Every structure is written in C-alpha cells, then in structure tokens.
Amino acid sequence: MTDSPGRTAQRARTRQAILDGARQLLDEGQPVTVAAAAARNGVSKATSYRYFPDSDLLVTEAALHIAVAPYDQIVRDCPDLRGKLQAICLYFLDLALSNEAGFRQFIAATMRSWRPDSTAPPRGARRITMFRQALAEHESDLADEQQDRLVRALCAATGMEAMIAMIDVAAASPDQAREAVRFTVDALLDRAARETTR
C-alpha cells in the first residue's frame, strides 16, 4: 500500500532531522554516529537506524548538503500539470548534474550499505511530495492507483538515477539528458491520459 501524502511528508521530516543533526556534528568537528545525529533533534535511536543503517551513509549524504528549492519556486512559471511535472523532473536532474561528484559518492555509499533485508524508508520523498502536490492542484480523471503508478514512473525520470542512466548508460550530453527527461514526462502523461479515456 502506498503511503499517504502526510505519511510521506512525515518520513521526509524525520530523515531531514537526522541529516541536520549529522551536519551539526560535522560543523562542530564531532564524531558522527547515527544515534548521536538523531538525538540532536529528538529522533529515537531505533527510528534513526531505519533511515540510516550505518554512519558512513549518513556522513556521505550529510556532507553532500545541497539545498533544494521550494516547490513554488520550481513550478512558478508553469500554469499546467504537464509543465509542473516537467519542471520538477528537470530541476532534480539539473541538481544531480551540477553536483555530480557528491551524488556519485552518495550512490557508492548507498550501494556499500545495501542489505537484502533492509527496512529503511525509501529516499526521494522530496520529489514524490512535489509530484503529488502538482497532481493535487489540477483536476484529473486518474484513479488513486493510476496516480500512484504515474508518480513511481516519474521518479525514474529524474535525479541521480536518471543522471546515471543518461550519462553512463546512454552516453548522453547534459542537453540530451534534459531532452530525454522532457520526452519521458510527455510519454508518461500521454499514456496516463489514454487510460482515462478507455
């Protein structure tokens, strides 16, 4: 079952609180542990390890420390849903491209810490929250299940995951990667629109 928007936002806030604690420790020159970072902002030790199973992953992401623009700023020039979803996807792709070294280090740390029995909440809550907000702002004939599928598909079209697929696999230039993201968003929305007319 898909998390509600409220639950997704709560998970994002908890994850951010742990990251903020880690950054405080880094700024102070203190050792960073998952438990110590969580304690800085009142997150329990048990909860913190569900988000960050080891300190290496936490330190790598905390050191990345990239501010994300607010939703309203990202979509401010987009009157329709298609434009908003494209703007969100392009924003997160550009964020990855402009901070490529840090994102690649983060991906490497994520791969090293991966466990087949991991129960860590998923990353990417910021983009998911923005996709859902855009969908909520425009009337749609898509059922909840169709909206959930669209959001999942959009997640694959942006961010560091798309950067790796575009640059490493498809050997695309940054401009070609951006064009591919636009094409993907259009294709996903066109497919979703056809489903509502059946």
N, C-alpha and C. Protein backbone atom coordinates (compact mmCIF):
# COMPACT_ATOMS: atom_id res chain seq x y z
N MET A 1 0.84 -1.20 0.00
CA MET A 1 0.00 0.00 0.00
C MET A 1 0.88 1.26 0.00
N THR A 2 0.50 2.25 -0.77
CA THR A 2 1.28 3.47 -0.87
C THR A 2 1.03 4.36 0.33
N ASP A 3 2.09 4.99 0.83
CA ASP A 3 1.94 5.92 1.94
C ASP A 3 1.07 7.09 1.54
N SER A 4 0.34 7.64 2.50
CA SER A 4 -0.43 8.85 2.26
C SER A 4 0.54 10.02 2.13
N PRO A 5 0.10 11.12 1.49
CA PRO A 5 0.98 12.29 1.39
C PRO A 5 1.47 12.77 2.75
N GLY A 6 0.60 12.69 3.76
CA GLY A 6 1.00 13.11 5.11
C GLY A 6 2.08 12.23 5.69
N ARG A 7 1.97 10.93 5.47
CA ARG A 7 2.98 9.99 5.97
C ARG A 7 4.30 10.16 5.22
N THR A 8 4.22 10.38 3.92
CA THR A 8 5.44 10.62 3.14
C THR A 8 6.15 11.87 3.64
N ALA A 9 5.38 12.94 3.90
CA ALA A 9 5.97 14.18 4.40
C ALA A 9 6.59 13.99 5.77
N GLN A 10 5.93 13.20 6.63
CA GLN A 10 6.47 12.94 7.97
C GLN A 10 7.79 12.19 7.89
N ARG A 11 7.86 11.20 7.02
CA ARG A 11 9.11 10.46 6.85
C ARG A 11 10.23 11.38 6.36
N ALA A 12 9.87 12.28 5.44
CA ALA A 12 10.86 13.22 4.93
C ALA A 12 11.36 14.12 6.04
N ARG A 13 10.47 14.57 6.94
CA ARG A 13 10.88 15.44 8.05
C ARG A 13 11.79 14.69 9.02
N THR A 14 11.46 13.43 9.29
CA THR A 14 12.29 12.63 10.20
C THR A 14 13.68 12.43 9.61
N ARG A 15 13.72 12.08 8.34
CA ARG A 15 15.01 11.88 7.66
C ARG A 15 15.83 13.17 7.67
N GLN A 16 15.16 14.29 7.42
CA GLN A 16 15.84 15.59 7.41
C GLN A 16 16.36 15.94 8.79
N ALA A 17 15.61 15.61 9.83
CA ALA A 17 16.05 15.91 11.20
C ALA A 17 17.34 15.16 11.53
N ILE A 18 17.44 13.92 11.09
CA ILE A 18 18.67 13.14 11.34
C ILE A 18 19.83 13.74 10.55
N LEU A 19 19.59 14.10 9.30
CA LEU A 19 20.64 14.73 8.48
C LEU A 19 21.09 16.06 9.10
N ASP A 20 20.15 16.85 9.58
CA ASP A 20 20.51 18.13 10.20
C ASP A 20 21.38 17.89 11.43
N GLY A 21 21.06 16.88 12.20
CA GLY A 21 21.87 16.55 13.37
C GLY A 21 23.29 16.15 12.97
N ALA A 22 23.39 15.37 11.89
CA ALA A 22 24.72 14.96 11.42
C ALA A 22 25.52 16.18 10.96
N ARG A 23 24.87 17.11 10.29
CA ARG A 23 25.57 18.31 9.82
C ARG A 23 26.03 19.17 10.99
N GLN A 24 25.23 19.24 12.04
CA GLN A 24 25.65 19.97 13.24
C GLN A 24 26.91 19.35 13.82
N LEU A 25 26.93 18.03 13.90
CA LEU A 25 28.10 17.34 14.43
C LEU A 25 29.33 17.58 13.55
N LEU A 26 29.14 17.50 12.23
CA LEU A 26 30.24 17.77 11.31
C LEU A 26 30.77 19.19 11.48
N ASP A 27 29.88 20.16 11.60
CA ASP A 27 30.29 21.56 11.76
C ASP A 27 31.08 21.77 13.05
N GLU A 28 30.75 20.97 14.07
CA GLU A 28 31.42 21.10 15.36
C GLU A 28 32.69 20.24 15.46
N GLY A 29 32.95 19.47 14.39
CA GLY A 29 34.11 18.60 14.42
C GLY A 29 33.94 17.39 15.32
N GLN A 30 32.70 17.03 15.61
CA GLN A 30 32.41 15.90 16.48
C GLN A 30 32.26 14.62 15.66
N PRO A 31 32.53 13.46 16.28
CA PRO A 31 32.29 12.19 15.57
C PRO A 31 30.80 12.06 15.24
N VAL A 32 30.52 11.55 14.07
CA VAL A 32 29.13 11.40 13.64
C VAL A 32 28.73 9.94 13.73
N THR A 33 27.77 9.68 14.58
CA THR A 33 27.13 8.37 14.62
C THR A 33 25.65 8.58 14.32
N VAL A 34 24.99 7.53 13.91
CA VAL A 34 23.57 7.65 13.59
C VAL A 34 22.78 8.06 14.83
N ALA A 35 23.09 7.42 15.96
CA ALA A 35 22.35 7.71 17.19
C ALA A 35 22.59 9.14 17.66
N ALA A 36 23.84 9.62 17.59
CA ALA A 36 24.13 10.98 18.05
C ALA A 36 23.47 12.01 17.15
N ALA A 37 23.48 11.77 15.85
CA ALA A 37 22.83 12.71 14.92
C ALA A 37 21.33 12.77 15.19
N ALA A 38 20.72 11.62 15.40
CA ALA A 38 19.28 11.59 15.65
C ALA A 38 18.93 12.29 16.96
N ALA A 39 19.76 12.08 17.98
CA ALA A 39 19.48 12.65 19.29
C ALA A 39 19.48 14.18 19.25
N ARG A 40 20.23 14.78 18.34
CA ARG A 40 20.28 16.23 18.23
C ARG A 40 18.91 16.84 17.99
N ASN A 41 18.03 16.10 17.33
CA ASN A 41 16.71 16.64 17.01
C ASN A 41 15.57 15.76 17.52
N GLY A 42 15.84 15.02 18.56
CA GLY A 42 14.78 14.28 19.25
C GLY A 42 14.26 13.05 18.54
N VAL A 43 15.05 12.49 17.62
CA VAL A 43 14.65 11.25 16.94
C VAL A 43 15.24 10.08 17.71
N SER A 44 14.45 9.06 17.95
CA SER A 44 14.94 7.93 18.74
C SER A 44 16.00 7.13 17.99
N LYS A 45 16.83 6.44 18.74
CA LYS A 45 17.88 5.61 18.16
C LYS A 45 17.28 4.54 17.27
N ALA A 46 16.22 3.88 17.74
CA ALA A 46 15.60 2.81 16.96
C ALA A 46 15.07 3.33 15.63
N THR A 47 14.44 4.49 15.67
CA THR A 47 13.92 5.09 14.43
C THR A 47 15.05 5.48 13.49
N SER A 48 16.11 6.04 14.05
CA SER A 48 17.19 6.55 13.21
C SER A 48 17.84 5.47 12.37
N TYR A 49 17.97 4.27 12.92
CA TYR A 49 18.63 3.19 12.18
C TYR A 49 17.74 2.63 11.07
N ARG A 50 16.45 2.94 11.11
CA ARG A 50 15.59 2.55 9.99
C ARG A 50 15.84 3.45 8.78
N TYR A 51 16.31 4.65 9.01
CA TYR A 51 16.58 5.59 7.93
C TYR A 51 18.03 5.50 7.45
N PHE A 52 18.94 5.30 8.38
CA PHE A 52 20.37 5.22 8.04
C PHE A 52 20.99 4.03 8.77
N PRO A 53 21.16 2.91 8.08
CA PRO A 53 21.66 1.71 8.74
C PRO A 53 23.10 1.80 9.20
N ASP A 54 23.88 2.74 8.64
CA ASP A 54 25.24 2.90 9.14
C ASP A 54 25.70 4.35 9.01
N SER A 55 26.74 4.68 9.77
CA SER A 55 27.21 6.06 9.83
C SER A 55 27.83 6.54 8.53
N ASP A 56 28.48 5.64 7.78
CA ASP A 56 29.12 6.05 6.53
C ASP A 56 28.10 6.66 5.56
N LEU A 57 26.97 6.00 5.44
CA LEU A 57 25.93 6.50 4.54
C LEU A 57 25.42 7.86 5.02
N LEU A 58 25.22 7.99 6.32
CA LEU A 58 24.73 9.25 6.88
C LEU A 58 25.73 10.37 6.64
N VAL A 59 27.00 10.12 6.91
CA VAL A 59 28.03 11.15 6.74
C VAL A 59 28.12 11.57 5.27
N THR A 60 28.06 10.60 4.36
CA THR A 60 28.17 10.92 2.94
C THR A 60 27.03 11.82 2.49
N GLU A 61 25.81 11.49 2.90
CA GLU A 61 24.67 12.32 2.50
C GLU A 61 24.69 13.67 3.21
N ALA A 62 25.06 13.68 4.48
CA ALA A 62 25.11 14.94 5.21
C ALA A 62 26.14 15.89 4.61
N ALA A 63 27.28 15.34 4.19
CA ALA A 63 28.33 16.17 3.60
C ALA A 63 27.90 16.73 2.25
N LEU A 64 27.01 16.03 1.56
CA LEU A 64 26.51 16.50 0.27
C LEU A 64 25.79 17.84 0.44
N HIS A 65 24.94 17.94 1.45
CA HIS A 65 24.34 19.19 1.93
C HIS A 65 23.92 20.14 0.82
N ILE A 66 23.01 19.70 -0.02
CA ILE A 66 22.51 20.53 -1.13
C ILE A 66 21.10 21.01 -0.80
N ALA A 67 20.94 22.30 -0.78
CA ALA A 67 19.62 22.87 -0.52
C ALA A 67 18.72 22.66 -1.74
N VAL A 68 17.48 22.31 -1.47
CA VAL A 68 16.51 22.10 -2.54
C VAL A 68 15.54 23.28 -2.55
N ALA A 69 15.31 23.83 -3.72
CA ALA A 69 14.40 24.97 -3.85
C ALA A 69 12.98 24.54 -3.46
N PRO A 70 12.19 25.47 -2.95
CA PRO A 70 10.80 25.14 -2.62
C PRO A 70 9.98 24.87 -3.87
N TYR A 71 8.94 24.08 -3.69
CA TYR A 71 8.05 23.70 -4.79
C TYR A 71 7.56 24.91 -5.58
N ASP A 72 7.07 25.95 -4.88
CA ASP A 72 6.50 27.11 -5.56
C ASP A 72 7.51 27.79 -6.48
N GLN A 73 8.76 27.79 -6.09
CA GLN A 73 9.79 28.40 -6.91
C GLN A 73 10.06 27.56 -8.16
N ILE A 74 10.06 26.25 -8.00
CA ILE A 74 10.36 25.35 -9.12
C ILE A 74 9.28 25.44 -10.20
N VAL A 75 8.02 25.56 -9.79
CA VAL A 75 6.92 25.50 -10.76
C VAL A 75 6.30 26.87 -11.04
N ARG A 76 6.94 27.94 -10.62
CA ARG A 76 6.29 29.26 -10.66
C ARG A 76 5.86 29.71 -12.06
N ASP A 77 6.55 29.26 -13.09
CA ASP A 77 6.19 29.69 -14.46
C ASP A 77 5.38 28.64 -15.22
N CYS A 78 4.79 27.71 -14.49
CA CYS A 78 4.11 26.57 -15.13
C CYS A 78 2.63 26.57 -14.78
N PRO A 79 1.76 26.97 -15.73
CA PRO A 79 0.34 27.04 -15.41
C PRO A 79 -0.37 25.69 -15.43
N ASP A 80 0.21 24.69 -16.12
CA ASP A 80 -0.50 23.41 -16.24
C ASP A 80 0.29 22.27 -15.61
N LEU A 81 -0.38 21.13 -15.47
CA LEU A 81 0.21 19.97 -14.81
C LEU A 81 1.44 19.47 -15.56
N ARG A 82 1.34 19.38 -16.87
CA ARG A 82 2.47 18.88 -17.67
C ARG A 82 3.72 19.74 -17.43
N GLY A 83 3.54 21.04 -17.46
CA GLY A 83 4.67 21.93 -17.24
C GLY A 83 5.26 21.77 -15.86
N LYS A 84 4.39 21.61 -14.86
CA LYS A 84 4.88 21.46 -13.49
C LYS A 84 5.68 20.17 -13.31
N LEU A 85 5.16 19.08 -13.85
CA LEU A 85 5.87 17.80 -13.72
C LEU A 85 7.19 17.84 -14.47
N GLN A 86 7.21 18.45 -15.64
CA GLN A 86 8.47 18.60 -16.36
C GLN A 86 9.46 19.46 -15.57
N ALA A 87 8.98 20.55 -15.00
CA ALA A 87 9.85 21.44 -14.24
C ALA A 87 10.47 20.73 -13.03
N ILE A 88 9.66 19.93 -12.34
CA ILE A 88 10.16 19.19 -11.18
C ILE A 88 11.23 18.19 -11.61
N CYS A 89 10.93 17.43 -12.67
CA CYS A 89 11.89 16.43 -13.15
C CYS A 89 13.18 17.08 -13.63
N LEU A 90 13.08 18.16 -14.37
CA LEU A 90 14.27 18.85 -14.87
C LEU A 90 15.06 19.46 -13.72
N TYR A 91 14.37 19.96 -12.72
CA TYR A 91 15.06 20.55 -11.56
C TYR A 91 15.93 19.50 -10.86
N PHE A 92 15.36 18.33 -10.58
CA PHE A 92 16.12 17.31 -9.85
C PHE A 92 17.22 16.69 -10.72
N LEU A 93 17.01 16.61 -12.03
CA LEU A 93 18.09 16.17 -12.91
C LEU A 93 19.22 17.18 -12.90
N ASP A 94 18.89 18.46 -13.05
CA ASP A 94 19.92 19.51 -13.06
C ASP A 94 20.66 19.55 -11.72
N LEU A 95 19.95 19.32 -10.63
CA LEU A 95 20.59 19.29 -9.31
C LEU A 95 21.65 18.20 -9.26
N ALA A 96 21.32 17.03 -9.80
CA ALA A 96 22.28 15.92 -9.83
C ALA A 96 23.46 16.24 -10.75
N LEU A 97 23.16 16.79 -11.93
CA LEU A 97 24.23 17.09 -12.88
C LEU A 97 25.19 18.15 -12.35
N SER A 98 24.67 19.13 -11.63
CA SER A 98 25.52 20.22 -11.15
C SER A 98 26.27 19.85 -9.87
N ASN A 99 25.91 18.73 -9.27
CA ASN A 99 26.60 18.24 -8.06
C ASN A 99 27.00 16.78 -8.26
N GLU A 100 27.48 16.48 -9.47
CA GLU A 100 27.68 15.09 -9.87
C GLU A 100 28.63 14.32 -8.96
N ALA A 101 29.77 14.90 -8.60
CA ALA A 101 30.75 14.18 -7.79
C ALA A 101 30.15 13.77 -6.44
N GLY A 102 29.47 14.70 -5.79
CA GLY A 102 28.87 14.39 -4.49
C GLY A 102 27.79 13.34 -4.60
N PHE A 103 26.97 13.42 -5.63
CA PHE A 103 25.91 12.43 -5.81
C PHE A 103 26.49 11.05 -6.09
N ARG A 104 27.56 11.00 -6.88
CA ARG A 104 28.18 9.70 -7.17
C ARG A 104 28.78 9.09 -5.90
N GLN A 105 29.36 9.91 -5.04
CA GLN A 105 29.87 9.40 -3.76
C GLN A 105 28.72 8.87 -2.90
N PHE A 106 27.61 9.59 -2.95
CA PHE A 106 26.44 9.15 -2.19
C PHE A 106 25.91 7.81 -2.72
N ILE A 107 25.84 7.68 -4.05
CA ILE A 107 25.39 6.42 -4.64
C ILE A 107 26.32 5.28 -4.22
N ALA A 108 27.63 5.53 -4.25
CA ALA A 108 28.59 4.49 -3.86
C ALA A 108 28.37 4.08 -2.41
N ALA A 109 28.15 5.05 -1.52
CA ALA A 109 27.90 4.73 -0.11
C ALA A 109 26.60 3.95 0.05
N THR A 110 25.60 4.32 -0.73
CA THR A 110 24.32 3.61 -0.68
C THR A 110 24.48 2.15 -1.10
N MET A 111 25.25 1.93 -2.15
CA MET A 111 25.48 0.56 -2.63
C MET A 111 26.25 -0.27 -1.60
N ARG A 112 27.23 0.36 -0.94
CA ARG A 112 28.02 -0.37 0.06
C ARG A 112 27.18 -0.76 1.27
N SER A 113 26.20 0.08 1.61
CA SER A 113 25.41 -0.19 2.81
C SER A 113 24.16 -1.03 2.52
N TRP A 114 23.92 -1.36 1.27
CA TRP A 114 22.71 -2.10 0.92
C TRP A 114 22.71 -3.48 1.55
N ARG A 115 21.55 -3.89 2.06
CA ARG A 115 21.35 -5.22 2.61
C ARG A 115 20.05 -5.77 2.06
N PRO A 116 20.01 -7.07 1.73
CA PRO A 116 18.77 -7.62 1.14
C PRO A 116 17.58 -7.54 2.09
N ASP A 117 17.82 -7.44 3.39
CA ASP A 117 16.72 -7.40 4.35
C ASP A 117 16.48 -6.00 4.89
N SER A 118 16.98 -4.99 4.18
CA SER A 118 16.86 -3.62 4.66
C SER A 118 15.40 -3.19 4.76
N THR A 119 15.08 -2.49 5.84
CA THR A 119 13.72 -1.96 6.01
C THR A 119 13.74 -0.43 6.04
N ALA A 120 14.83 0.16 5.58
CA ALA A 120 14.94 1.62 5.58
C ALA A 120 13.86 2.24 4.71
N PRO A 121 13.23 3.31 5.18
CA PRO A 121 12.25 4.01 4.33
C PRO A 121 12.93 4.50 3.06
N PRO A 122 12.19 4.56 1.97
CA PRO A 122 12.81 4.96 0.70
C PRO A 122 13.24 6.42 0.71
N ARG A 123 14.25 6.72 -0.13
CA ARG A 123 14.66 8.10 -0.35
C ARG A 123 13.70 8.74 -1.35
N GLY A 124 14.01 9.96 -1.73
CA GLY A 124 13.25 10.60 -2.80
C GLY A 124 11.94 11.22 -2.38
N ALA A 125 11.75 11.40 -1.08
CA ALA A 125 10.45 11.92 -0.63
C ALA A 125 10.19 13.33 -1.14
N ARG A 126 11.26 14.11 -1.36
CA ARG A 126 11.03 15.49 -1.80
C ARG A 126 10.39 15.53 -3.17
N ARG A 127 10.91 14.74 -4.09
CA ARG A 127 10.32 14.75 -5.44
C ARG A 127 8.92 14.15 -5.41
N ILE A 128 8.72 13.10 -4.62
CA ILE A 128 7.40 12.48 -4.53
C ILE A 128 6.38 13.48 -4.00
N THR A 129 6.75 14.20 -2.95
CA THR A 129 5.86 15.21 -2.38
C THR A 129 5.50 16.27 -3.42
N MET A 130 6.49 16.68 -4.22
CA MET A 130 6.22 17.70 -5.25
C MET A 130 5.34 17.15 -6.37
N PHE A 131 5.60 15.92 -6.82
CA PHE A 131 4.73 15.32 -7.84
C PHE A 131 3.29 15.27 -7.35
N ARG A 132 3.11 14.84 -6.12
CA ARG A 132 1.75 14.71 -5.57
C ARG A 132 1.08 16.08 -5.41
N GLN A 133 1.85 17.08 -5.03
CA GLN A 133 1.27 18.42 -4.91
C GLN A 133 0.80 18.93 -6.26
N ALA A 134 1.63 18.71 -7.30
CA ALA A 134 1.24 19.14 -8.65
C ALA A 134 -0.04 18.43 -9.08
N LEU A 135 -0.13 17.14 -8.84
CA LEU A 135 -1.33 16.38 -9.21
C LEU A 135 -2.55 16.88 -8.44
N ALA A 136 -2.35 17.24 -7.17
CA ALA A 136 -3.47 17.71 -6.35
C ALA A 136 -3.98 19.08 -6.81
N GLU A 137 -3.13 19.85 -7.45
CA GLU A 137 -3.52 21.20 -7.88
C GLU A 137 -4.31 21.22 -9.18
N HIS A 138 -4.41 20.08 -9.85
CA HIS A 138 -5.09 20.04 -11.14
C HIS A 138 -6.09 18.88 -11.15
N GLU A 139 -7.28 19.15 -11.65
CA GLU A 139 -8.29 18.10 -11.74
C GLU A 139 -7.80 17.00 -12.68
N SER A 140 -8.08 15.78 -12.30
CA SER A 140 -7.62 14.65 -13.09
C SER A 140 -8.64 13.53 -13.01
N ASP A 141 -8.76 12.79 -14.11
CA ASP A 141 -9.62 11.62 -14.11
C ASP A 141 -8.88 10.37 -13.67
N LEU A 142 -7.61 10.53 -13.28
CA LEU A 142 -6.82 9.37 -12.87
C LEU A 142 -7.27 8.88 -11.50
N ALA A 143 -7.48 7.58 -11.39
CA ALA A 143 -7.78 6.98 -10.09
C ALA A 143 -6.54 7.04 -9.22
N ASP A 144 -6.73 6.84 -7.92
CA ASP A 144 -5.60 6.90 -6.98
C ASP A 144 -4.49 5.94 -7.39
N GLU A 145 -4.85 4.74 -7.78
CA GLU A 145 -3.85 3.74 -8.18
C GLU A 145 -3.08 4.21 -9.42
N GLN A 146 -3.78 4.85 -10.35
CA GLN A 146 -3.11 5.36 -11.55
C GLN A 146 -2.16 6.52 -11.21
N GLN A 147 -2.59 7.37 -10.29
CA GLN A 147 -1.71 8.46 -9.85
C GLN A 147 -0.47 7.91 -9.16
N ASP A 148 -0.65 6.89 -8.33
CA ASP A 148 0.50 6.27 -7.67
C ASP A 148 1.49 5.72 -8.68
N ARG A 149 0.97 5.06 -9.71
CA ARG A 149 1.84 4.48 -10.74
C ARG A 149 2.57 5.58 -11.51
N LEU A 150 1.86 6.67 -11.80
CA LEU A 150 2.48 7.79 -12.51
C LEU A 150 3.61 8.40 -11.67
N VAL A 151 3.38 8.58 -10.39
CA VAL A 151 4.41 9.13 -9.51
C VAL A 151 5.63 8.22 -9.47
N ARG A 152 5.41 6.92 -9.37
CA ARG A 152 6.54 5.98 -9.37
C ARG A 152 7.33 6.08 -10.68
N ALA A 153 6.63 6.16 -11.79
CA ALA A 153 7.30 6.25 -13.08
C ALA A 153 8.08 7.56 -13.21
N LEU A 154 7.51 8.65 -12.73
CA LEU A 154 8.19 9.94 -12.78
C LEU A 154 9.47 9.93 -11.95
N CYS A 155 9.46 9.18 -10.86
CA CYS A 155 10.67 9.08 -10.02
C CYS A 155 11.86 8.54 -10.80
N ALA A 156 11.60 7.65 -11.74
CA ALA A 156 12.68 7.06 -12.54
C ALA A 156 13.19 8.01 -13.60
N ALA A 157 12.46 9.09 -13.84
CA ALA A 157 12.80 10.01 -14.93
C ALA A 157 13.63 11.19 -14.48
N THR A 158 14.12 11.18 -13.23
CA THR A 158 14.83 12.36 -12.74
C THR A 158 15.83 11.99 -11.65
N GLY A 159 16.56 13.00 -11.21
CA GLY A 159 17.51 12.81 -10.12
C GLY A 159 18.76 12.06 -10.52
N MET A 160 19.47 11.58 -9.51
CA MET A 160 20.75 10.92 -9.79
C MET A 160 20.56 9.60 -10.50
N GLU A 161 19.40 8.97 -10.32
CA GLU A 161 19.14 7.72 -11.03
C GLU A 161 19.08 7.96 -12.54
N ALA A 162 18.37 9.01 -12.93
CA ALA A 162 18.29 9.36 -14.35
C ALA A 162 19.64 9.84 -14.86
N MET A 163 20.37 10.56 -14.02
CA MET A 163 21.70 11.02 -14.42
C MET A 163 22.60 9.84 -14.80
N ILE A 164 22.60 8.80 -13.97
CA ILE A 164 23.43 7.62 -14.25
C ILE A 164 22.97 6.95 -15.54
N ALA A 165 21.66 6.80 -15.71
CA ALA A 165 21.13 6.16 -16.91
C ALA A 165 21.48 6.96 -18.16
N MET A 166 21.34 8.27 -18.07
CA MET A 166 21.59 9.12 -19.24
C MET A 166 23.07 9.24 -19.58
N ILE A 167 23.88 9.56 -18.58
CA ILE A 167 25.30 9.85 -18.81
C ILE A 167 26.11 8.56 -18.98
N ASP A 168 25.94 7.61 -18.08
CA ASP A 168 26.77 6.41 -18.09
C ASP A 168 26.29 5.36 -19.08
N VAL A 169 24.98 5.17 -19.15
CA VAL A 169 24.45 4.10 -19.99
C VAL A 169 24.18 4.59 -21.41
N ALA A 170 23.47 5.72 -21.54
CA ALA A 170 23.09 6.21 -22.87
C ALA A 170 24.13 7.14 -23.49
N ALA A 171 25.19 7.47 -22.75
CA ALA A 171 26.25 8.36 -23.24
C ALA A 171 25.68 9.68 -23.75
N ALA A 172 24.68 10.19 -23.05
CA ALA A 172 24.04 11.45 -23.45
C ALA A 172 24.81 12.64 -22.90
N SER A 173 24.73 13.74 -23.59
CA SER A 173 25.24 15.01 -23.07
C SER A 173 24.20 15.53 -22.07
N PRO A 174 24.55 16.51 -21.24
CA PRO A 174 23.54 17.09 -20.34
C PRO A 174 22.31 17.61 -21.09
N ASP A 175 22.50 18.26 -22.25
CA ASP A 175 21.35 18.75 -23.02
C ASP A 175 20.49 17.59 -23.53
N GLN A 176 21.14 16.53 -23.98
CA GLN A 176 20.39 15.35 -24.45
C GLN A 176 19.66 14.69 -23.29
N ALA A 177 20.27 14.69 -22.12
CA ALA A 177 19.62 14.11 -20.93
C ALA A 177 18.37 14.90 -20.58
N ARG A 178 18.45 16.22 -20.65
CA ARG A 178 17.30 17.05 -20.34
C ARG A 178 16.17 16.82 -21.35
N GLU A 179 16.54 16.70 -22.63
CA GLU A 179 15.54 16.44 -23.66
C GLU A 179 14.88 15.09 -23.45
N ALA A 180 15.67 14.09 -23.04
CA ALA A 180 15.11 12.76 -22.77
C ALA A 180 14.15 12.80 -21.60
N VAL A 181 14.45 13.60 -20.60
CA VAL A 181 13.54 13.74 -19.45
C VAL A 181 12.23 14.38 -19.89
N ARG A 182 12.29 15.43 -20.70
CA ARG A 182 11.06 16.04 -21.22
C ARG A 182 10.24 15.01 -22.00
N PHE A 183 10.91 14.26 -22.86
CA PHE A 183 10.25 13.25 -23.66
C PHE A 183 9.57 12.20 -22.77
N THR A 184 10.27 11.77 -21.73
CA THR A 184 9.74 10.75 -20.83
C THR A 184 8.50 11.26 -20.09
N VAL A 185 8.56 12.47 -19.59
CA VAL A 185 7.40 13.04 -18.88
C VAL A 185 6.21 13.13 -19.84
N ASP A 186 6.44 13.61 -21.06
CA ASP A 186 5.35 13.69 -22.05
C ASP A 186 4.77 12.30 -22.32
N ALA A 187 5.63 11.32 -22.50
CA ALA A 187 5.16 9.96 -22.81
C ALA A 187 4.34 9.40 -21.65
N LEU A 188 4.79 9.62 -20.43
CA LEU A 188 4.06 9.11 -19.26
C LEU A 188 2.69 9.77 -19.14
N LEU A 189 2.65 11.08 -19.34
CA LEU A 189 1.37 11.79 -19.22
C LEU A 189 0.42 11.43 -20.36
N ASP A 190 0.96 11.27 -21.56
CA ASP A 190 0.12 10.86 -22.68
C ASP A 190 -0.47 9.48 -22.44
N ARG A 191 0.33 8.57 -21.91
CA ARG A 191 -0.16 7.22 -21.60
C ARG A 191 -1.24 7.29 -20.52
N ALA A 192 -1.01 8.09 -19.49
CA ALA A 192 -2.00 8.22 -18.42
C ALA A 192 -3.30 8.80 -18.96
N ALA A 193 -3.20 9.78 -19.86
CA ALA A 193 -4.40 10.39 -20.44
C ALA A 193 -5.19 9.37 -21.26
N ARG A 194 -4.48 8.52 -22.00
CA ARG A 194 -5.18 7.50 -22.80
C ARG A 194 -5.92 6.52 -21.90
N GLU A 195 -5.36 6.22 -20.76
CA GLU A 195 -6.01 5.28 -19.84
C GLU A 195 -7.31 5.82 -19.31
N THR A 196 -7.40 7.14 -19.16
CA THR A 196 -8.65 7.72 -18.62
C THR A 196 -9.76 7.76 -19.64
N THR A 197 -9.43 7.58 -20.92
CA THR A 197 -10.46 7.65 -21.97
C THR A 197 -10.95 6.27 -22.41
N ARG A 198 -10.40 5.22 -21.82
CA ARG A 198 -10.83 3.87 -22.22
C ARG A 198 -12.18 3.52 -21.62
